[in-house]
N, C-alpha and C. Protein backbone atom coordinates (compact mmCIF):
# COMPACT_ATOMS: atom_id res chain seq x y z
N MET A 1 12.51 0.36 13.96
CA MET A 1 12.25 0.92 12.70
C MET A 1 11.24 0.20 11.84
N VAL A 2 10.41 1.01 11.15
CA VAL A 2 9.39 0.40 10.29
C VAL A 2 9.98 0.02 8.96
N SER A 3 9.54 -1.33 8.56
CA SER A 3 10.10 -1.78 7.28
C SER A 3 9.69 -1.01 6.04
N ASP A 4 10.46 -1.15 5.03
CA ASP A 4 10.15 -0.53 3.72
C ASP A 4 8.89 -1.08 3.18
N SER A 5 8.57 -2.31 3.37
CA SER A 5 7.36 -2.86 2.86
C SER A 5 6.13 -2.41 3.64
N ALA A 6 6.32 -2.24 4.98
CA ALA A 6 5.10 -1.67 5.71
C ALA A 6 4.71 -0.25 5.37
N ILE A 7 5.78 0.54 5.00
CA ILE A 7 5.57 1.87 4.59
C ILE A 7 4.87 1.83 3.20
N ALA A 8 5.52 1.02 2.39
CA ALA A 8 4.87 0.93 1.00
C ALA A 8 3.34 0.46 1.06
N ALA A 9 3.14 -0.40 2.03
CA ALA A 9 1.60 -1.05 2.19
C ALA A 9 0.77 0.20 2.62
N GLY A 10 1.35 0.97 3.57
CA GLY A 10 0.53 2.22 4.09
C GLY A 10 0.36 3.22 3.02
N ALA A 11 1.35 3.50 2.26
CA ALA A 11 1.33 4.45 1.03
C ALA A 11 0.22 3.92 0.05
N ALA A 12 0.22 2.70 -0.21
CA ALA A 12 -0.76 2.07 -1.10
C ALA A 12 -2.07 2.10 -0.65
N LEU A 13 -2.42 1.87 0.71
CA LEU A 13 -3.56 2.01 1.23
C LEU A 13 -4.05 3.39 1.32
N MET A 14 -3.32 4.40 1.66
CA MET A 14 -3.64 5.63 1.67
C MET A 14 -4.05 6.22 0.24
N ILE A 15 -3.36 5.89 -0.65
CA ILE A 15 -3.60 6.29 -2.01
C ILE A 15 -4.78 5.63 -2.62
N THR A 16 -4.91 4.39 -2.24
CA THR A 16 -6.18 3.76 -2.67
C THR A 16 -7.43 4.23 -2.04
N ALA A 17 -7.38 4.55 -0.76
CA ALA A 17 -8.43 5.16 0.01
C ALA A 17 -8.84 6.54 -0.55
N SER A 18 -7.97 7.25 -1.31
CA SER A 18 -8.43 8.57 -1.93
C SER A 18 -9.43 8.14 -3.03
N LEU A 19 -9.52 7.05 -3.63
CA LEU A 19 -10.27 6.86 -4.75
C LEU A 19 -11.83 7.00 -4.35
N PRO A 20 -12.39 6.52 -3.44
CA PRO A 20 -13.90 6.77 -3.23
C PRO A 20 -14.17 8.27 -2.85
N PHE A 21 -13.16 9.01 -2.24
CA PHE A 21 -13.41 10.32 -2.05
C PHE A 21 -13.44 11.26 -3.43
N TYR A 22 -12.60 10.85 -4.32
CA TYR A 22 -12.64 11.49 -5.71
C TYR A 22 -13.90 11.18 -6.47
N LEU A 23 -14.28 9.87 -6.32
CA LEU A 23 -15.46 9.36 -7.06
C LEU A 23 -16.74 10.06 -6.65
N TYR A 24 -16.87 10.08 -5.31
CA TYR A 24 -18.07 10.68 -4.70
C TYR A 24 -18.03 12.14 -4.84
N GLY A 25 -17.06 12.79 -4.77
CA GLY A 25 -16.71 14.23 -4.95
C GLY A 25 -17.23 14.65 -6.40
N ALA A 26 -16.81 13.77 -7.43
CA ALA A 26 -17.10 13.95 -8.69
C ALA A 26 -18.63 13.79 -8.91
N TRP A 27 -19.25 12.75 -8.27
CA TRP A 27 -20.61 12.53 -8.38
C TRP A 27 -21.38 13.63 -7.89
N ILE A 28 -21.04 14.21 -6.81
CA ILE A 28 -21.73 15.43 -6.23
C ILE A 28 -21.89 16.47 -7.33
N MET A 29 -20.86 16.73 -8.14
CA MET A 29 -20.91 18.01 -9.10
C MET A 29 -21.61 17.33 -10.27
N ILE A 30 -21.61 16.08 -10.72
CA ILE A 30 -22.26 15.65 -11.82
C ILE A 30 -23.89 15.52 -11.57
N ASP A 31 -24.03 15.37 -10.41
CA ASP A 31 -25.53 15.02 -10.01
C ASP A 31 -26.26 16.54 -9.77
N ALA A 32 -25.40 17.59 -9.53
CA ALA A 32 -26.04 18.88 -9.09
C ALA A 32 -26.55 19.51 -10.48
N GLU A 33 -27.82 19.94 -10.42
CA GLU A 33 -28.25 20.72 -11.44
C GLU A 33 -27.84 22.12 -11.45
N VAL A 34 -27.56 22.68 -10.44
CA VAL A 34 -27.04 23.99 -10.23
C VAL A 34 -26.02 23.95 -9.11
N VAL A 35 -24.84 24.50 -9.39
CA VAL A 35 -23.77 24.42 -8.40
C VAL A 35 -23.93 25.69 -7.69
N THR A 36 -24.50 25.58 -6.38
CA THR A 36 -24.58 26.54 -5.34
C THR A 36 -23.24 26.65 -4.64
N TRP A 37 -23.16 27.53 -3.64
CA TRP A 37 -22.01 27.55 -2.80
C TRP A 37 -21.91 26.37 -1.91
N ASP A 38 -23.20 25.97 -1.41
CA ASP A 38 -23.23 24.91 -0.59
C ASP A 38 -22.92 23.47 -1.27
N VAL A 39 -23.22 23.47 -2.57
CA VAL A 39 -22.85 22.13 -3.29
C VAL A 39 -21.39 22.25 -3.48
N LEU A 40 -20.86 23.33 -3.72
CA LEU A 40 -19.43 23.34 -3.95
C LEU A 40 -18.68 23.17 -2.66
N ILE A 41 -18.92 23.63 -1.62
CA ILE A 41 -18.41 23.21 -0.25
C ILE A 41 -18.52 21.72 0.06
N TYR A 42 -19.66 21.20 -0.11
CA TYR A 42 -19.95 19.81 -0.03
C TYR A 42 -19.00 19.00 -0.71
N HIS A 43 -19.04 19.36 -2.02
CA HIS A 43 -17.98 18.68 -3.06
C HIS A 43 -16.62 18.71 -2.56
N LEU A 44 -16.15 19.86 -2.09
CA LEU A 44 -14.72 20.04 -1.46
C LEU A 44 -14.54 19.27 -0.19
N LYS A 45 -15.56 18.94 0.47
CA LYS A 45 -15.25 18.20 1.82
C LYS A 45 -15.01 16.75 1.35
N PHE A 46 -15.13 16.31 0.17
CA PHE A 46 -14.66 14.98 -0.19
C PHE A 46 -13.46 14.90 -1.13
N ILE A 47 -13.28 16.03 -1.75
CA ILE A 47 -12.18 16.24 -2.73
C ILE A 47 -11.02 16.48 -2.04
N VAL A 48 -11.07 17.37 -1.00
CA VAL A 48 -9.77 17.73 -0.22
C VAL A 48 -9.21 16.64 0.53
N PRO A 49 -10.04 15.89 1.26
CA PRO A 49 -9.45 14.63 2.01
C PRO A 49 -8.95 13.55 0.91
N GLY A 50 -9.40 13.45 -0.21
CA GLY A 50 -8.79 12.71 -1.21
C GLY A 50 -7.48 13.05 -1.57
N LEU A 51 -7.37 14.26 -1.85
CA LEU A 51 -6.11 14.98 -2.23
C LEU A 51 -5.06 14.76 -1.08
N VAL A 52 -5.49 14.90 0.08
CA VAL A 52 -4.58 14.81 1.26
C VAL A 52 -4.20 13.32 1.22
N LEU A 53 -5.03 12.52 1.23
CA LEU A 53 -4.65 10.98 1.42
C LEU A 53 -3.67 10.60 0.23
N ASN A 54 -3.80 11.21 -0.95
CA ASN A 54 -2.97 10.95 -2.03
C ASN A 54 -1.73 11.60 -1.92
N THR A 55 -1.60 12.90 -1.41
CA THR A 55 -0.39 13.72 -1.57
C THR A 55 0.65 13.37 -0.18
N ILE A 56 -0.09 13.02 0.85
CA ILE A 56 0.84 12.78 1.97
C ILE A 56 1.84 11.72 1.69
N PRO A 57 1.46 10.49 1.21
CA PRO A 57 2.56 9.50 0.84
C PRO A 57 3.43 9.89 -0.30
N VAL A 58 2.94 10.68 -1.28
CA VAL A 58 3.81 11.23 -2.42
C VAL A 58 4.85 12.15 -1.81
N VAL A 59 4.49 12.97 -1.06
CA VAL A 59 5.39 14.10 -0.61
C VAL A 59 6.45 13.38 0.57
N THR A 60 5.88 12.68 1.45
CA THR A 60 6.65 12.09 2.58
C THR A 60 7.55 11.03 2.34
N TRP A 61 7.05 10.04 1.30
CA TRP A 61 7.69 8.80 1.12
C TRP A 61 8.23 8.65 -0.38
N MET A 62 7.50 8.92 -1.26
CA MET A 62 7.85 8.69 -2.73
C MET A 62 8.82 9.68 -3.34
N ILE A 63 8.49 11.00 -3.24
CA ILE A 63 9.37 11.88 -3.70
C ILE A 63 10.89 11.81 -2.98
N PRO A 64 11.01 11.73 -1.75
CA PRO A 64 12.35 11.65 -1.18
C PRO A 64 13.15 10.34 -1.73
N ARG A 65 12.54 9.34 -2.31
CA ARG A 65 13.10 8.01 -2.53
C ARG A 65 13.36 8.20 -4.19
N LEU A 66 12.71 9.00 -4.80
CA LEU A 66 12.64 9.03 -6.24
C LEU A 66 14.05 8.86 -6.89
N LEU A 67 14.96 9.69 -6.56
CA LEU A 67 16.41 9.75 -7.06
C LEU A 67 16.91 8.41 -6.95
N ASP A 68 16.82 7.69 -5.89
CA ASP A 68 17.56 6.49 -5.69
C ASP A 68 16.91 5.36 -6.57
N GLN A 69 15.80 5.65 -7.22
CA GLN A 69 15.04 4.52 -7.85
C GLN A 69 14.69 4.85 -9.29
N LEU A 70 15.29 5.71 -9.91
CA LEU A 70 15.03 6.13 -11.23
C LEU A 70 15.46 5.01 -12.17
N GLN A 71 14.56 4.08 -12.34
CA GLN A 71 14.70 3.04 -13.32
C GLN A 71 13.43 2.34 -13.83
N GLY A 72 13.34 1.93 -15.03
CA GLY A 72 12.29 1.16 -15.67
C GLY A 72 10.84 1.76 -15.28
N VAL A 73 9.97 0.98 -14.85
CA VAL A 73 8.64 1.11 -14.42
C VAL A 73 8.39 2.32 -13.53
N LEU A 74 9.50 2.59 -12.49
CA LEU A 74 9.42 3.46 -11.59
C LEU A 74 9.38 4.90 -12.38
N VAL A 75 10.28 4.95 -13.23
CA VAL A 75 10.26 6.38 -13.92
C VAL A 75 8.98 6.59 -14.59
N PHE A 76 8.32 5.72 -15.22
CA PHE A 76 7.06 5.85 -15.87
C PHE A 76 5.99 6.26 -14.92
N HIS A 77 6.08 5.50 -13.72
CA HIS A 77 4.85 5.84 -12.66
C HIS A 77 5.14 7.35 -12.19
N ALA A 78 6.57 7.68 -11.93
CA ALA A 78 6.67 8.95 -11.56
C ALA A 78 6.32 10.06 -12.55
N VAL A 79 6.45 9.85 -13.81
CA VAL A 79 6.18 10.77 -14.90
C VAL A 79 4.50 10.95 -14.80
N LEU A 80 3.85 9.75 -14.90
CA LEU A 80 2.35 9.67 -14.77
C LEU A 80 1.80 10.51 -13.60
N GLY A 81 2.47 10.32 -12.34
CA GLY A 81 2.12 10.99 -11.25
C GLY A 81 2.37 12.48 -11.27
N LEU A 82 3.46 12.85 -11.89
CA LEU A 82 3.70 14.43 -12.02
C LEU A 82 2.84 15.05 -13.00
N GLN A 83 2.43 14.24 -14.14
CA GLN A 83 1.56 14.80 -15.12
C GLN A 83 0.25 15.13 -14.43
N ALA A 84 -0.22 14.12 -13.66
CA ALA A 84 -1.50 14.31 -12.87
C ALA A 84 -1.54 15.53 -12.00
N TYR A 85 -0.37 15.72 -11.20
CA TYR A 85 -0.37 16.95 -10.49
C TYR A 85 -0.30 18.27 -11.40
N ALA A 86 0.48 18.19 -12.44
CA ALA A 86 0.50 19.22 -13.43
C ALA A 86 -0.91 19.57 -13.97
N LEU A 87 -1.71 18.76 -14.27
CA LEU A 87 -3.08 18.83 -14.75
C LEU A 87 -4.05 19.41 -13.76
N LEU A 88 -3.65 18.97 -12.55
CA LEU A 88 -4.50 19.50 -11.46
C LEU A 88 -4.13 20.95 -11.24
N ALA A 89 -3.03 21.41 -11.31
CA ALA A 89 -2.53 22.77 -11.28
C ALA A 89 -3.17 23.70 -12.33
N PHE A 90 -3.29 22.92 -13.62
CA PHE A 90 -3.89 23.69 -14.79
C PHE A 90 -5.25 23.74 -14.54
N ALA A 91 -5.86 22.76 -13.93
CA ALA A 91 -7.41 23.03 -13.54
C ALA A 91 -7.78 24.13 -12.69
N LEU A 92 -6.68 24.26 -11.64
CA LEU A 92 -6.89 25.25 -10.59
C LEU A 92 -6.91 26.72 -11.20
N THR A 93 -6.03 26.83 -12.44
CA THR A 93 -6.03 28.12 -13.09
C THR A 93 -7.34 28.45 -13.44
N GLY A 94 -8.36 27.47 -13.98
CA GLY A 94 -9.51 27.79 -14.34
C GLY A 94 -10.54 27.93 -13.11
N ILE A 95 -10.36 27.19 -12.30
CA ILE A 95 -11.39 27.14 -11.05
C ILE A 95 -11.17 28.37 -10.30
N VAL A 96 -10.12 28.98 -10.26
CA VAL A 96 -9.96 30.20 -9.31
C VAL A 96 -10.77 31.38 -10.13
N ARG A 97 -10.50 31.57 -11.36
CA ARG A 97 -11.07 32.66 -12.03
C ARG A 97 -12.67 32.40 -12.21
N ILE A 98 -13.08 31.09 -12.29
CA ILE A 98 -14.58 30.79 -12.39
C ILE A 98 -15.25 31.29 -11.00
N LEU A 99 -14.50 30.90 -9.87
CA LEU A 99 -15.09 31.11 -8.56
C LEU A 99 -15.11 32.64 -8.41
N GLN A 100 -14.22 33.45 -8.85
CA GLN A 100 -14.05 34.91 -8.74
C GLN A 100 -15.33 35.55 -9.47
N VAL A 101 -15.51 35.13 -10.75
CA VAL A 101 -16.43 35.66 -11.48
C VAL A 101 -17.91 35.28 -10.99
N LYS A 102 -18.11 34.08 -10.56
CA LYS A 102 -19.39 33.72 -10.11
C LYS A 102 -19.82 34.36 -8.72
N ARG A 103 -18.62 34.47 -7.91
CA ARG A 103 -18.97 35.18 -6.73
C ARG A 103 -19.37 36.68 -6.87
N GLU A 104 -18.75 37.28 -7.92
CA GLU A 104 -19.01 38.70 -8.21
C GLU A 104 -20.42 38.79 -8.78
N ALA A 105 -20.84 37.77 -9.38
CA ALA A 105 -22.21 37.78 -9.90
C ALA A 105 -23.21 37.38 -9.15
N ASP A 106 -22.79 36.88 -7.83
CA ASP A 106 -23.81 36.50 -6.96
C ASP A 106 -24.40 35.12 -7.20
N LEU A 107 -23.78 34.36 -8.06
CA LEU A 107 -24.48 33.04 -8.46
C LEU A 107 -24.35 31.89 -7.67
N TYR A 108 -23.51 32.02 -6.51
CA TYR A 108 -23.49 31.07 -5.45
C TYR A 108 -24.57 31.24 -4.46
N ASP A 109 -24.89 32.44 -4.08
CA ASP A 109 -25.94 32.73 -3.22
C ASP A 109 -27.28 32.87 -3.89
N ASP A 110 -27.45 33.32 -5.10
CA ASP A 110 -28.69 33.37 -5.89
C ASP A 110 -28.57 32.66 -7.14
N PRO A 111 -28.56 31.34 -7.12
CA PRO A 111 -28.21 30.35 -8.35
C PRO A 111 -29.58 30.60 -9.19
N THR A 112 -30.56 31.16 -8.88
CA THR A 112 -31.89 31.07 -9.72
C THR A 112 -31.70 32.07 -10.71
N GLN A 113 -30.69 32.93 -10.88
CA GLN A 113 -30.60 34.01 -11.96
C GLN A 113 -30.49 33.26 -13.18
N ASP A 114 -31.13 33.83 -14.21
CA ASP A 114 -31.14 33.25 -15.55
C ASP A 114 -30.00 33.85 -16.44
N ILE A 115 -28.79 33.51 -16.04
CA ILE A 115 -27.53 33.98 -16.61
C ILE A 115 -26.73 32.75 -17.22
N ASP A 116 -26.28 32.93 -18.51
CA ASP A 116 -25.36 32.01 -19.19
C ASP A 116 -24.01 32.27 -18.54
N LEU A 117 -23.34 31.29 -18.08
CA LEU A 117 -21.96 31.48 -17.49
C LEU A 117 -21.07 32.11 -18.57
N ASP A 118 -21.17 31.84 -19.77
CA ASP A 118 -20.25 32.40 -20.79
C ASP A 118 -20.59 34.01 -20.93
N ASP A 119 -21.62 34.34 -20.52
CA ASP A 119 -22.04 35.79 -20.61
C ASP A 119 -21.31 36.69 -19.52
N LEU A 120 -20.77 35.95 -18.43
CA LEU A 120 -20.38 36.68 -17.34
C LEU A 120 -18.92 37.21 -17.66
N HIS A 121 -18.13 36.69 -18.38
CA HIS A 121 -16.85 37.25 -18.86
C HIS A 121 -16.36 36.59 -20.02
N PRO A 122 -15.56 37.30 -20.82
CA PRO A 122 -15.16 36.82 -22.16
C PRO A 122 -14.39 35.60 -22.10
N ASN A 123 -13.69 35.48 -21.14
CA ASN A 123 -12.82 34.32 -21.04
C ASN A 123 -13.39 33.05 -20.23
N MET A 124 -14.59 33.07 -20.00
CA MET A 124 -15.31 32.08 -19.17
C MET A 124 -15.32 30.78 -19.75
N GLY A 125 -15.47 30.71 -21.15
CA GLY A 125 -15.33 29.37 -22.06
C GLY A 125 -13.88 28.79 -21.76
N ALA A 126 -12.99 29.69 -21.88
CA ALA A 126 -11.56 29.17 -21.78
C ALA A 126 -11.32 28.71 -20.36
N TRP A 127 -11.78 29.42 -19.26
CA TRP A 127 -11.54 28.96 -17.99
C TRP A 127 -12.20 27.60 -17.74
N ARG A 128 -13.58 27.45 -18.12
CA ARG A 128 -14.26 26.13 -17.99
C ARG A 128 -13.60 25.02 -18.71
N GLY A 129 -12.99 25.37 -19.99
CA GLY A 129 -12.07 24.38 -20.54
C GLY A 129 -11.00 23.99 -19.88
N ARG A 130 -10.33 24.83 -19.33
CA ARG A 130 -9.04 24.47 -18.47
C ARG A 130 -9.49 23.58 -17.43
N LEU A 131 -10.60 23.91 -16.70
CA LEU A 131 -11.04 23.04 -15.51
C LEU A 131 -11.31 21.69 -16.07
N ARG A 132 -12.08 21.58 -17.09
CA ARG A 132 -12.54 20.14 -17.66
C ARG A 132 -11.18 19.34 -18.08
N VAL A 133 -10.35 20.13 -18.80
CA VAL A 133 -9.25 19.35 -19.33
C VAL A 133 -8.38 18.95 -18.06
N GLY A 134 -8.15 19.87 -17.14
CA GLY A 134 -7.30 19.69 -15.89
C GLY A 134 -7.87 18.51 -15.01
N VAL A 135 -9.26 18.61 -14.83
CA VAL A 135 -9.93 17.69 -14.04
C VAL A 135 -9.87 16.07 -14.61
N PHE A 136 -10.16 16.14 -15.80
CA PHE A 136 -10.27 14.91 -16.59
C PHE A 136 -8.89 14.24 -16.72
N GLY A 137 -7.96 15.10 -17.05
CA GLY A 137 -6.58 14.79 -17.21
C GLY A 137 -5.94 14.35 -15.87
N TYR A 138 -6.19 15.12 -14.79
CA TYR A 138 -5.75 14.56 -13.66
C TYR A 138 -6.20 13.14 -13.28
N VAL A 139 -7.61 12.86 -13.39
CA VAL A 139 -8.30 11.61 -13.03
C VAL A 139 -7.64 10.37 -13.91
N ILE A 140 -7.31 10.76 -15.22
CA ILE A 140 -6.87 9.61 -16.14
C ILE A 140 -5.34 9.51 -15.63
N PHE A 141 -4.50 10.50 -15.39
CA PHE A 141 -3.10 10.18 -15.18
C PHE A 141 -3.02 9.59 -13.70
N TRP A 142 -3.95 10.16 -12.92
CA TRP A 142 -3.99 9.54 -11.42
C TRP A 142 -4.17 7.93 -11.49
N PHE A 143 -5.15 7.74 -12.26
CA PHE A 143 -5.60 6.30 -12.44
C PHE A 143 -4.64 5.43 -12.94
N LEU A 144 -3.85 6.06 -14.01
CA LEU A 144 -2.80 5.06 -14.76
C LEU A 144 -1.60 5.03 -13.65
N ALA A 145 -1.30 6.16 -12.84
CA ALA A 145 -0.14 6.04 -12.00
C ALA A 145 -0.49 5.00 -10.83
N TRP A 146 -1.74 5.18 -10.44
CA TRP A 146 -2.21 4.35 -9.39
C TRP A 146 -2.10 2.70 -9.86
N ILE A 147 -2.51 2.49 -10.98
CA ILE A 147 -2.47 1.01 -11.48
C ILE A 147 -0.97 0.70 -11.52
N LEU A 148 -0.23 1.45 -12.01
CA LEU A 148 1.07 1.25 -12.22
C LEU A 148 1.95 1.00 -10.69
N GLY A 149 1.53 1.91 -9.93
CA GLY A 149 1.96 1.81 -8.58
C GLY A 149 1.47 0.51 -7.85
N LEU A 150 0.29 0.13 -8.04
CA LEU A 150 -0.23 -1.26 -7.44
C LEU A 150 0.62 -2.53 -7.95
N TYR A 151 1.03 -2.34 -9.35
CA TYR A 151 1.82 -3.23 -10.02
C TYR A 151 3.14 -3.39 -9.38
N GLN A 152 3.68 -2.04 -9.23
CA GLN A 152 5.01 -2.15 -8.55
C GLN A 152 5.07 -2.67 -7.13
N PHE A 153 4.00 -2.31 -6.39
CA PHE A 153 3.93 -2.91 -5.06
C PHE A 153 3.84 -4.33 -4.95
N VAL A 154 2.91 -4.84 -5.78
CA VAL A 154 2.81 -6.33 -5.72
C VAL A 154 4.04 -7.00 -6.20
N SER A 155 4.67 -6.46 -7.43
CA SER A 155 6.04 -7.08 -7.88
C SER A 155 6.98 -7.10 -6.90
N ARG A 156 7.16 -6.02 -6.09
CA ARG A 156 8.33 -5.82 -5.35
C ARG A 156 8.14 -6.41 -3.96
N TYR A 157 6.98 -6.12 -3.34
CA TYR A 157 6.75 -6.48 -1.86
C TYR A 157 5.93 -7.75 -1.73
N VAL A 158 5.00 -8.12 -2.56
CA VAL A 158 4.26 -9.28 -2.51
C VAL A 158 4.86 -10.64 -3.17
N ILE A 159 5.12 -10.43 -4.42
CA ILE A 159 5.77 -11.41 -5.14
C ILE A 159 7.35 -11.56 -5.03
N GLY A 160 8.01 -10.45 -5.18
CA GLY A 160 9.30 -10.44 -5.28
C GLY A 160 10.10 -10.37 -3.91
């Protein structure tokens, strides 16, 4: 049977490995002057693997052990992680509607149209706000949970 410390190390490596995917995926969107369908798909080719690398250890190892370890720093780590996923879900509520409206306006296939996104739908500003708050919130809480998780790993398996 695999030791608890080996599983913890694997989880820490997978979650840490997701960071470059998130950073490059974000850079793709920041660097794009116009977000075409190809840019969006290219962005998702990095974000989705990052989410998978992060979510597999959370679902298969961390959540099942959570109730046995509800104490001190672990509770705070869990709250930060849950908050990150809650903000990701919040961002998705904006992303889905933005995708629908941009597809209907053919802005992914013909991005040269001179249309202000806020003119496409009266709620576009709110959806874009959800997207920004959700994504930035996810990144902030993910980063805080990651730092705290690394601290826990070192404290429990390296030092202790």
